[in-house]
Amino acid sequence: MQTMELRDKDVLVLGLGRSGMAAASLLRRDGARVVVRDEATDDLLQERAMRLRQLGVRVELGNQYDHSAHFDFAVLSPGIAPERAIVREVLSQSTPLLSELELAYRHCLCPIVAITGTNGKTTTTELIAGMLTGCDKRTVAAGNIGHAFSDAVEASAGLDALVLEVSSFQLEKIEQFRANISVLLNITPDHLDRYESMDEYAAAKAFVLLNQQPEDTAVISVEALKWLRRMCLPIRARPITFSAYNQPADLWLDPSDNDTIWSRLPECHGILMRLSETNLRGRHNAENVLATLATGLAMELPVPRMREAICSYFPQPHRCEFVAEVNGVTYINDSKGTNVDAVEKALRSLPGRSVLIAGGRDKGLDFASLRQVIAEKVTLAVLIGEAQNKMWRAWSKAVPCVRAFSMEEAVRVAASHARRDETVLLSPACASFDMFENYEHRGDEFKRHVFNL
């Protein structure tokens, strides 16, 4: 790994989100002269700017930039698309551009387990971190979960491994970033408002494998592996494959009962565990457990301790979270379901039929691809947010649809329609930023109005 000499370097950080804050703090600790820019000016950014200025960081908000400044390199926060004007100006000056992931990697002093994929990243990251802790390994979960990678590296010398949830956005501007174990869960349509095609999106996900060497391990679903092979993307690391969808793999979910997890690896051959022993349900969660077990086997952890840690895990809020049962109707909060694949998996994981609350800010996805599962599993679609008209056009011939203009109205309409033994499911297939601060805020509002019932 090429370390970075930062003392007296002039560095620009683009974006004042959590990653930008952490990157600026790391750079300043190492003696760099730091400027942070963000196009917004809201109260949260003003508060963050005040904290950074106390560290000696120059903060420029709302396009009020010193355009004459020159920098040794710039650090790009994952929430800022490369085509934005704030990024184009840096590129026009031939300033080297790194991701926050790359910056933190060059300061990391322990092995890395990096998890990416369209769905299941957070659950799998938590499962792996919990498994390592349960096997007496010193670890921290960071990246898109918990605290930023740049915040975590300061204590990395004392860790056995850092478990990172990484997004395609974070992987776009890496150079040397290398995971000792990479985990690629799945590749399904998402963020097509940022990527021109599924191939471009898949290639960004595959960057997690880019710098791995034969002594590293790539834990990868069979379905994702097919994408990479079709695109002729190489895998230099030792692959361990898994599948929850009846495909030949090193670890797999038995299709005869959708419960038993098998391994054909020499490290452990035979039955590893059963999904019903855990607090997780559905094939999408079987994927997460399979990937966790494969990671543990790659790290030579004892299987009984791995199994015990996985069985003690409880899923986090906003991921097919049980909220309440009211008048025989079950209410489920899947606000984290921000793409069509997540919605399909949520619907298929639930017994019986559901009233679906969906909508928000469209990410360029094909909602028509959900038409079949909507027809099979949904009795009414309650549509909210900017995407409601597009969803109406995609689904109204398959299922009755109604529009709602607030979460309160959506819950009230869903509750009035749902019958005993049915489910009201919030699974939006969209980003939250048209009506809410983030997916957590959206899920909390759903829960609040359910409790008010």
Protein backbone atom coordinates (compact mmCIF):
# COMPACT_ATOMS: atom_id res chain seq x y z
CA MET A 1 0.00 0.00 0.00
CA GLN A 2 1.29 3.45 -0.92
CA THR A 3 0.95 5.64 2.18
CA MET A 4 0.16 9.33 1.85
CA GLU A 5 2.36 12.16 3.09
CA LEU A 6 -0.19 14.82 3.94
CA ARG A 7 1.73 17.40 5.92
CA ASP A 8 1.52 20.81 4.23
CA LYS A 9 -0.50 19.39 1.31
CA ASP A 10 -3.40 21.45 -0.02
CA VAL A 11 -6.44 19.17 -0.19
CA LEU A 12 -10.01 19.84 -1.28
CA VAL A 13 -12.88 17.76 0.13
CA LEU A 14 -16.06 17.78 -1.95
CA GLY A 15 -19.18 17.31 0.15
CA LEU A 16 -19.91 17.96 3.81
CA GLY A 17 -21.84 14.80 4.60
CA ARG A 18 -20.65 12.20 7.10
CA SER A 19 -17.85 10.97 4.82
CA GLY A 20 -16.70 14.49 3.99
CA MET A 21 -16.58 15.44 7.66
CA ALA A 22 -14.53 12.34 8.49
CA ALA A 23 -12.16 12.85 5.55
CA ALA A 24 -11.55 16.50 6.46
CA SER A 25 -10.83 15.57 10.09
CA LEU A 26 -8.39 12.83 9.06
CA LEU A 27 -6.57 15.13 6.65
CA ARG A 28 -6.30 17.88 9.22
CA ARG A 29 -4.95 15.49 11.86
CA ASP A 30 -2.16 14.56 9.47
CA GLY A 31 -1.16 18.17 8.83
CA ALA A 32 -2.88 18.94 5.51
CA ARG A 33 -4.33 22.32 4.68
CA VAL A 34 -7.98 21.47 4.01
CA VAL A 35 -10.80 23.19 2.15
CA VAL A 36 -14.30 21.67 2.15
CA ARG A 37 -16.91 22.64 -0.44
CA ASP A 38 -20.61 21.86 -0.57
CA GLU A 39 -23.30 23.28 -2.83
CA ALA A 40 -25.90 23.36 -0.03
CA THR A 41 -26.20 25.78 2.91
CA ASP A 42 -28.75 24.20 5.28
CA ASP A 43 -28.60 24.39 9.07
CA LEU A 44 -26.98 20.97 9.48
CA LEU A 45 -24.13 21.93 7.12
CA GLN A 46 -23.68 25.24 8.90
CA GLU A 47 -23.28 23.38 12.19
CA ARG A 48 -20.78 20.96 10.65
CA ALA A 49 -18.90 23.84 9.06
CA MET A 50 -18.54 25.53 12.46
CA ARG A 51 -17.04 22.35 13.94
CA LEU A 52 -14.54 22.00 11.09
CA ARG A 53 -13.52 25.64 11.22
CA GLN A 54 -12.56 25.09 14.85
CA LEU A 55 -10.08 22.50 13.54
CA GLY A 56 -8.59 25.01 11.10
CA VAL A 57 -10.50 23.79 8.03
CA ARG A 58 -11.74 26.33 5.48
CA VAL A 59 -15.39 25.61 4.56
CA GLU A 60 -17.07 27.08 1.47
CA LEU A 61 -20.83 26.56 1.16
CA GLY A 62 -23.46 27.42 -1.42
CA ASN A 63 -21.19 27.83 -4.45
CA GLN A 64 -19.26 30.66 -2.77
CA TYR A 65 -15.89 29.22 -3.78
CA ASP A 66 -12.40 30.59 -4.22
CA HIS A 67 -12.00 29.56 -7.85
CA SER A 68 -8.35 30.64 -7.94
CA ALA A 69 -7.28 28.00 -5.39
CA HIS A 70 -5.21 25.00 -6.52
CA PHE A 71 -4.93 21.67 -4.72
CA ASP A 72 -2.56 18.72 -4.60
CA PHE A 73 -5.57 16.39 -4.76
CA ALA A 74 -9.30 16.29 -3.99
CA VAL A 75 -11.44 13.82 -2.04
CA LEU A 76 -14.90 13.05 -3.41
CA SER A 77 -17.76 12.20 -1.05
CA PRO A 78 -19.96 9.32 -2.30
CA GLY A 79 -23.16 11.38 -2.44
CA ILE A 80 -21.79 13.73 -5.12
CA ALA A 81 -22.12 12.50 -8.71
CA PRO A 82 -19.01 13.00 -10.87
CA GLU A 83 -20.92 15.03 -13.46
CA ARG A 84 -21.85 17.78 -10.96
CA ALA A 85 -20.36 21.21 -11.60
CA ILE A 86 -18.49 21.15 -8.28
CA VAL A 87 -16.61 18.06 -9.53
CA ARG A 88 -16.18 19.17 -13.15
CA GLU A 89 -14.31 22.29 -12.01
CA VAL A 90 -11.79 20.15 -10.13
CA LEU A 91 -11.32 17.80 -13.08
CA SER A 92 -10.86 20.75 -15.47
CA GLN A 93 -7.82 21.78 -13.40
CA SER A 94 -6.35 18.23 -13.69
CA THR A 95 -6.51 17.82 -9.91
CA PRO A 96 -6.21 14.13 -8.89
CA LEU A 97 -9.52 12.91 -7.49
CA LEU A 98 -9.81 10.15 -4.88
CA SER A 99 -12.78 8.68 -3.05
CA GLU A 100 -13.04 8.91 0.73
CA LEU A 101 -12.72 5.11 0.64
CA GLU A 102 -9.30 5.38 -1.03
CA LEU A 103 -8.10 8.09 1.36
CA ALA A 104 -9.02 6.05 4.44
CA TYR A 105 -7.59 2.83 2.97
CA ARG A 106 -4.14 4.40 2.78
CA HIS A 107 -4.31 4.95 6.54
CA CYS A 108 -5.75 1.55 7.48
CA LEU A 109 -3.52 -0.77 9.53
CA CYS A 110 -5.61 -3.96 9.68
CA PRO A 111 -7.21 -6.48 7.30
CA ILE A 112 -10.41 -5.41 5.54
CA VAL A 113 -13.65 -7.25 4.82
CA ALA A 114 -15.61 -5.17 2.27
CA ILE A 115 -19.28 -5.88 1.56
CA THR A 116 -21.15 -4.52 -1.45
CA GLY A 117 -24.17 -5.42 -3.57
CA THR A 118 -27.53 -3.89 -4.41
CA ASN A 119 -29.42 -5.25 -1.40
CA GLY A 120 -28.49 -6.76 1.95
CA LYS A 121 -25.23 -4.85 2.52
CA THR A 122 -26.11 -3.49 5.94
CA THR A 123 -27.52 -6.74 7.30
CA THR A 124 -24.52 -8.71 6.03
CA THR A 125 -22.07 -6.16 7.43
CA GLU A 126 -23.75 -6.41 10.83
CA LEU A 127 -23.83 -10.21 10.64
CA ILE A 128 -20.12 -10.45 9.79
CA ALA A 129 -19.11 -7.95 12.46
CA GLY A 130 -21.23 -9.79 15.01
CA MET A 131 -19.77 -13.13 13.94
CA LEU A 132 -16.22 -11.84 14.34
CA THR A 133 -17.02 -10.42 17.77
CA GLY A 134 -18.64 -13.73 18.74
CA CYS A 135 -15.41 -15.48 17.73
CA ASP A 136 -13.35 -13.14 19.98
CA LYS A 137 -12.00 -11.03 17.11
CA ARG A 138 -11.53 -7.30 17.58
CA THR A 139 -13.53 -5.57 14.88
CA VAL A 140 -15.49 -2.44 13.95
CA ALA A 141 -18.22 -2.02 11.33
CA ALA A 142 -17.79 1.16 9.29
CA GLY A 143 -18.30 2.68 5.84
CA ASN A 144 -21.96 3.12 4.87
CA ILE A 145 -22.88 1.76 8.30
CA GLY A 146 -22.10 3.30 11.66
CA HIS A 147 -19.24 5.72 11.23
CA ALA A 148 -17.24 6.61 8.14
CA PHE A 149 -14.14 4.62 7.16
CA SER A 150 -11.97 7.72 7.71
CA ASP A 151 -13.17 7.87 11.32
CA ALA A 152 -12.49 4.17 11.90
CA VAL A 153 -8.90 3.99 10.68
CA GLU A 154 -7.44 5.85 13.67
CA ALA A 155 -8.01 2.75 15.84
CA SER A 156 -7.34 0.19 13.09
CA ALA A 157 -3.92 -0.87 14.43
CA GLY A 158 -5.68 -2.52 17.35
CA LEU A 159 -8.21 -4.47 15.25
CA ASP A 160 -8.18 -7.97 13.79
CA ALA A 161 -10.35 -6.74 10.92
CA LEU A 162 -12.39 -3.76 9.77
CA VAL A 163 -15.78 -4.69 8.29
CA LEU A 164 -16.83 -2.14 5.66
CA GLU A 165 -20.15 -1.64 3.95
CA VAL A 166 -19.21 -0.03 0.62
CA SER A 167 -21.44 1.35 -2.12
CA SER A 168 -20.82 1.63 -5.84
CA PHE A 169 -20.52 5.41 -5.33
CA GLN A 170 -17.64 4.91 -2.89
CA LEU A 171 -15.89 2.48 -5.23
CA GLU A 172 -15.95 4.76 -8.28
CA LYS A 173 -12.73 6.64 -7.50
CA ILE A 174 -10.48 4.01 -5.92
CA GLU A 175 -6.90 3.37 -7.00
CA GLN A 176 -5.25 1.01 -4.52
CA PHE A 177 -8.16 0.04 -2.26
CA ARG A 178 -7.92 -3.69 -1.62
CA ALA A 179 -10.04 -5.92 0.58
CA ASN A 180 -8.56 -9.08 2.04
CA ILE A 181 -12.07 -10.51 1.74
CA SER A 182 -14.58 -8.94 -0.63
CA VAL A 183 -18.27 -9.85 -0.51
CA LEU A 184 -20.43 -9.20 -3.59
CA LEU A 185 -24.00 -10.07 -2.67
CA ASN A 186 -26.10 -9.33 -5.75
CA ILE A 187 -26.46 -7.01 -8.72
CA THR A 188 -30.00 -5.87 -9.53
CA PRO A 189 -31.34 -2.58 -10.97
CA ASP A 190 -30.65 0.48 -8.82
CA HIS A 191 -29.23 4.02 -9.14
CA LEU A 192 -29.97 4.16 -12.87
CA ASP A 193 -30.36 7.90 -12.41
CA ARG A 194 -26.58 7.94 -11.84
CA TYR A 195 -25.42 5.15 -14.17
CA GLU A 196 -26.19 5.05 -17.87
CA SER A 197 -26.72 1.27 -17.94
CA MET A 198 -26.82 -1.83 -15.77
CA ASP A 199 -23.40 -2.79 -17.15
CA GLU A 200 -21.94 0.48 -15.89
CA TYR A 201 -23.55 -0.06 -12.49
CA ALA A 202 -22.32 -3.68 -12.33
CA ALA A 203 -18.80 -2.58 -13.27
CA ALA A 204 -18.81 -0.07 -10.40
CA LYS A 205 -19.82 -2.81 -7.96
CA ALA A 206 -17.07 -5.05 -9.35
CA PHE A 207 -14.42 -2.48 -8.38
CA VAL A 208 -14.47 -4.14 -4.96
CA LEU A 209 -12.55 -7.02 -6.64
CA LEU A 210 -10.25 -4.82 -8.72
CA ASN A 211 -7.05 -4.92 -6.67
CA GLN A 212 -7.45 -8.28 -4.96
CA GLN A 213 -4.65 -10.81 -5.32
CA PRO A 214 -4.61 -14.66 -5.35
CA GLU A 215 -4.05 -14.77 -1.58
CA ASP A 216 -7.30 -12.78 -1.04
CA THR A 217 -10.86 -14.16 -1.10
CA ALA A 218 -13.88 -13.07 -3.14
CA VAL A 219 -17.17 -14.22 -1.61
CA ILE A 220 -19.65 -13.81 -4.45
CA SER A 221 -23.16 -14.93 -5.30
CA VAL A 222 -23.51 -17.14 -8.36
CA GLU A 223 -25.96 -14.64 -9.81
CA ALA A 224 -23.48 -11.74 -9.47
CA LEU A 225 -20.69 -13.92 -10.85
CA LYS A 226 -22.72 -14.41 -14.04
CA TRP A 227 -22.80 -10.63 -14.51
CA LEU A 228 -19.03 -10.39 -14.17
CA ARG A 229 -18.35 -13.29 -16.54
CA ARG A 230 -20.68 -11.86 -19.16
CA MET A 231 -18.75 -8.59 -18.95
CA CYS A 232 -15.39 -10.44 -18.99
CA LEU A 233 -14.37 -8.88 -15.66
CA PRO A 234 -11.54 -10.86 -14.07
CA ILE A 235 -11.42 -12.22 -10.51
CA ARG A 236 -7.87 -12.77 -9.26
CA ALA A 237 -8.83 -13.67 -5.68
CA ARG A 238 -9.88 -17.14 -4.57
CA PRO A 239 -13.65 -17.26 -5.20
CA ILE A 240 -16.16 -18.75 -2.77
CA THR A 241 -19.60 -18.86 -4.37
CA PHE A 242 -23.02 -19.01 -2.75
CA SER A 243 -26.63 -19.13 -3.91
CA ALA A 244 -30.05 -18.95 -2.31
CA TYR A 245 -31.70 -19.50 -5.70
CA ASN A 246 -31.09 -23.15 -6.59
CA GLN A 247 -27.79 -22.65 -8.40
CA PRO A 248 -24.66 -24.85 -8.05
CA ALA A 249 -22.37 -23.12 -5.54
CA ASP A 250 -19.86 -23.71 -2.75
CA LEU A 251 -22.53 -22.78 -0.19
CA TRP A 252 -26.23 -23.03 -1.01
CA LEU A 253 -29.75 -22.99 0.35
CA ASP A 254 -31.45 -26.35 -0.11
CA PRO A 255 -34.31 -25.79 -2.61
CA SER A 256 -36.27 -28.72 -1.16
CA ASP A 257 -37.00 -26.89 2.10
CA ASN A 258 -35.63 -23.33 1.61
CA ASP A 259 -34.12 -23.73 5.07
CA THR A 260 -31.02 -25.94 5.15
CA ILE A 261 -27.66 -24.35 4.31
CA TRP A 262 -25.05 -26.71 2.85
CA SER A 263 -21.33 -26.38 2.13
CA ARG A 264 -19.10 -28.32 -0.21
CA LEU A 265 -15.95 -26.47 0.87
CA PRO A 266 -13.14 -28.63 2.29
CA GLU A 267 -13.08 -26.37 5.37
CA CYS A 268 -16.54 -27.65 6.29
CA HIS A 269 -18.42 -30.17 4.17
CA GLY A 270 -22.11 -30.86 4.78
CA ILE A 271 -24.89 -29.02 6.62
CA LEU A 272 -23.76 -25.73 8.18
CA MET A 273 -27.03 -24.58 9.77
CA ARG A 274 -30.70 -23.92 9.13
CA LEU A 275 -32.18 -20.51 8.43
CA SER A 276 -35.05 -21.28 10.81
CA GLU A 277 -32.54 -21.28 13.68
CA THR A 278 -31.97 -17.56 13.08
CA ASN A 279 -34.15 -14.46 13.49
CA LEU A 280 -34.06 -13.91 9.71
CA ARG A 281 -36.55 -15.08 7.10
CA GLY A 282 -36.76 -15.13 3.30
CA ARG A 283 -34.31 -15.98 0.56
CA HIS A 284 -32.86 -12.48 0.57
CA ASN A 285 -31.82 -13.04 4.18
CA ALA A 286 -30.56 -16.51 3.29
CA GLU A 287 -28.17 -14.72 0.90
CA ASN A 288 -26.89 -12.60 3.77
CA VAL A 289 -26.37 -15.63 6.03
CA LEU A 290 -24.64 -17.60 3.24
CA ALA A 291 -22.23 -14.72 2.58
CA THR A 292 -21.52 -14.41 6.31
CA LEU A 293 -20.78 -18.12 6.68
CA ALA A 294 -18.53 -18.07 3.60
CA THR A 295 -16.60 -15.15 5.08
CA GLY A 296 -16.18 -16.97 8.37
CA LEU A 297 -14.92 -20.11 6.63
CA ALA A 298 -12.44 -18.03 4.64
CA MET A 299 -11.16 -16.62 7.95
CA GLU A 300 -10.97 -20.13 9.46
CA LEU A 301 -13.40 -19.30 12.27
CA PRO A 302 -14.94 -22.18 14.26
CA VAL A 303 -18.32 -23.13 12.79
CA PRO A 304 -20.16 -23.60 16.15
CA ARG A 305 -19.17 -20.08 17.26
CA MET A 306 -20.13 -18.65 13.86
CA ARG A 307 -23.53 -20.33 14.03
CA GLU A 308 -24.15 -19.09 17.58
CA ALA A 309 -23.35 -15.49 16.63
CA ILE A 310 -25.56 -15.57 13.53
CA CYS A 311 -28.47 -17.04 15.51
CA SER A 312 -28.23 -14.26 18.10
CA TYR A 313 -28.52 -11.49 15.48
CA PHE A 314 -31.72 -9.44 15.25
CA PRO A 315 -32.47 -7.44 12.07
CA GLN A 316 -32.24 -3.66 12.35
CA PRO A 317 -35.13 -1.20 11.90
CA HIS A 318 -36.54 -0.34 8.47
CA ARG A 319 -35.67 -3.74 6.94
CA CYS A 320 -38.90 -5.76 6.85
CA GLU A 321 -39.37 -4.65 10.46
CA PHE A 322 -42.50 -5.80 12.28
CA VAL A 323 -44.27 -2.69 13.57
CA ALA A 324 -47.63 -3.79 14.97
CA GLU A 325 -50.72 -5.89 14.49
CA VAL A 326 -53.92 -3.85 14.44
CA ASN A 327 -57.34 -5.52 14.01
CA GLY A 328 -55.69 -8.63 12.62
CA VAL A 329 -53.61 -6.68 10.05
CA THR A 330 -49.80 -6.84 10.26
CA TYR A 331 -47.81 -3.66 9.55
CA ILE A 332 -44.27 -4.06 8.16
CA ASN A 333 -41.73 -1.24 7.73
CA ASP A 334 -39.34 -1.89 4.84
CA SER A 335 -38.37 1.73 4.25
CA LYS A 336 -34.87 0.53 3.30
CA GLY A 337 -36.45 -1.14 0.24
CA THR A 338 -35.34 1.58 -2.17
CA ASN A 339 -35.26 -0.43 -5.43
CA VAL A 340 -37.51 -2.85 -7.30
CA ASP A 341 -35.57 -5.99 -6.35
CA ALA A 342 -35.89 -5.19 -2.64
CA VAL A 343 -39.65 -4.70 -3.01
CA GLU A 344 -40.09 -8.01 -4.83
CA LYS A 345 -38.10 -9.85 -2.15
CA ALA A 346 -40.11 -8.20 0.62
CA LEU A 347 -43.43 -9.11 -0.99
CA ARG A 348 -42.40 -12.71 -1.62
CA SER A 349 -41.09 -13.12 1.92
CA LEU A 350 -44.52 -12.29 3.42
CA PRO A 351 -47.38 -14.79 3.77
CA GLY A 352 -50.64 -14.00 2.02
CA ARG A 353 -51.37 -10.73 0.26
CA SER A 354 -50.46 -7.16 1.12
CA VAL A 355 -51.49 -3.55 0.75
CA LEU A 356 -48.33 -1.91 -0.57
CA ILE A 357 -47.30 1.67 0.20
CA ALA A 358 -44.69 2.71 -2.38
CA GLY A 359 -43.22 5.78 -4.02
CA GLY A 360 -40.77 8.58 -3.47
CA ARG A 361 -37.96 9.97 -5.61
CA ASP A 362 -37.44 7.87 -8.74
CA LYS A 363 -33.92 6.52 -9.34
CA GLY A 364 -34.53 5.73 -13.00
CA LEU A 365 -35.87 2.24 -12.29
CA ASP A 366 -38.30 0.11 -14.31
CA PHE A 367 -41.33 -0.23 -12.05
CA ALA A 368 -43.08 -2.33 -14.70
CA SER A 369 -40.72 -5.19 -13.82
CA LEU A 370 -42.73 -5.55 -10.57
CA ARG A 371 -46.05 -5.96 -12.35
CA GLN A 372 -46.21 -9.75 -12.00
CA VAL A 373 -45.43 -9.91 -8.29
CA ILE A 374 -47.74 -6.93 -7.69
CA ALA A 375 -50.58 -8.82 -9.41
CA GLU A 376 -49.87 -11.96 -7.36
CA LYS A 377 -49.25 -10.47 -3.92
CA VAL A 378 -50.85 -6.99 -3.68
CA THR A 379 -54.52 -6.08 -3.21
CA LEU A 380 -54.01 -2.31 -3.33
CA ALA A 381 -51.05 -0.03 -4.10
CA VAL A 382 -51.01 3.26 -2.19
CA LEU A 383 -48.68 5.59 -4.10
CA ILE A 384 -46.81 8.55 -2.60
CA GLY A 385 -44.18 11.07 -3.66
CA GLU A 386 -42.72 12.16 -6.97
CA ALA A 387 -42.85 8.69 -8.56
CA GLN A 388 -46.55 8.06 -7.96
CA ASN A 389 -47.64 8.85 -11.54
CA LYS A 390 -44.94 6.63 -13.04
CA MET A 391 -45.93 3.80 -10.67
CA TRP A 392 -49.61 4.32 -11.55
CA ARG A 393 -48.84 3.86 -15.24
CA ALA A 394 -46.78 0.74 -14.51
CA TRP A 395 -49.18 -1.01 -12.09
CA SER A 396 -52.75 0.25 -12.46
CA LYS A 397 -53.69 -2.51 -14.92
CA ALA A 398 -52.41 -5.16 -12.53
CA VAL A 399 -53.83 -3.89 -9.22
CA PRO A 400 -56.07 -1.07 -7.96
CA CYS A 401 -53.95 2.03 -7.20
CA VAL A 402 -54.68 5.16 -5.18
CA ARG A 403 -52.59 8.26 -4.57
CA ALA A 404 -51.80 9.67 -1.14
CA PHE A 405 -50.10 12.97 -0.42
CA SER A 406 -48.66 12.29 3.02
CA MET A 407 -47.55 9.28 5.02
CA GLU A 408 -50.45 9.84 7.40
CA GLU A 409 -52.94 9.63 4.52
CA ALA A 410 -51.17 6.59 3.05
CA VAL A 411 -51.38 4.66 6.34
CA ARG A 412 -55.01 5.65 6.85
CA VAL A 413 -55.99 4.52 3.33
CA ALA A 414 -54.03 1.27 3.65
CA ALA A 415 -55.60 0.50 7.05
CA SER A 416 -59.12 1.09 5.72
CA HIS A 417 -58.56 -1.34 2.84
CA ALA A 418 -56.53 -4.14 4.47
CA ARG A 419 -58.42 -7.22 5.65
CA ARG A 420 -57.70 -9.49 8.59
CA ASP A 421 -54.59 -11.67 8.04
CA GLU A 422 -53.28 -9.32 5.35
CA THR A 423 -50.19 -7.11 5.63
CA VAL A 424 -49.67 -3.40 5.11
CA LEU A 425 -46.15 -3.13 3.73
CA LEU A 426 -44.15 0.06 3.33
CA SER A 427 -41.56 -0.82 0.67
CA PRO A 428 -41.09 2.28 -1.47
CA ALA A 429 -38.81 1.21 -4.40
CA CYS A 430 -37.58 4.82 -4.34
CA ALA A 431 -35.30 7.24 -2.56
CA SER A 432 -36.85 9.24 0.27
CA PHE A 433 -35.57 12.75 -0.37
CA ASP A 434 -38.70 14.19 -1.97
CA MET A 435 -40.69 14.01 1.29
CA PHE A 436 -38.27 12.90 4.03
CA GLU A 437 -34.75 13.49 5.33
CA ASN A 438 -33.73 9.86 4.68
CA TYR A 439 -35.15 6.35 4.68
CA GLU A 440 -35.01 6.22 8.51
CA HIS A 441 -37.18 9.34 8.76
CA ARG A 442 -39.64 7.82 6.26
CA GLY A 443 -39.82 4.56 8.22
CA ASP A 444 -40.21 6.37 11.54
CA GLU A 445 -43.11 8.41 10.14
CA PHE A 446 -44.77 5.22 8.91
CA LYS A 447 -44.40 3.67 12.36
CA ARG A 448 -45.70 6.81 14.10
CA HIS A 449 -48.90 6.82 12.05
CA VAL A 450 -49.37 3.07 12.50
CA PHE A 451 -49.11 3.49 16.27
CA ASN A 452 -51.67 6.29 16.04
CA LEU A 453 -54.17 3.79 14.65
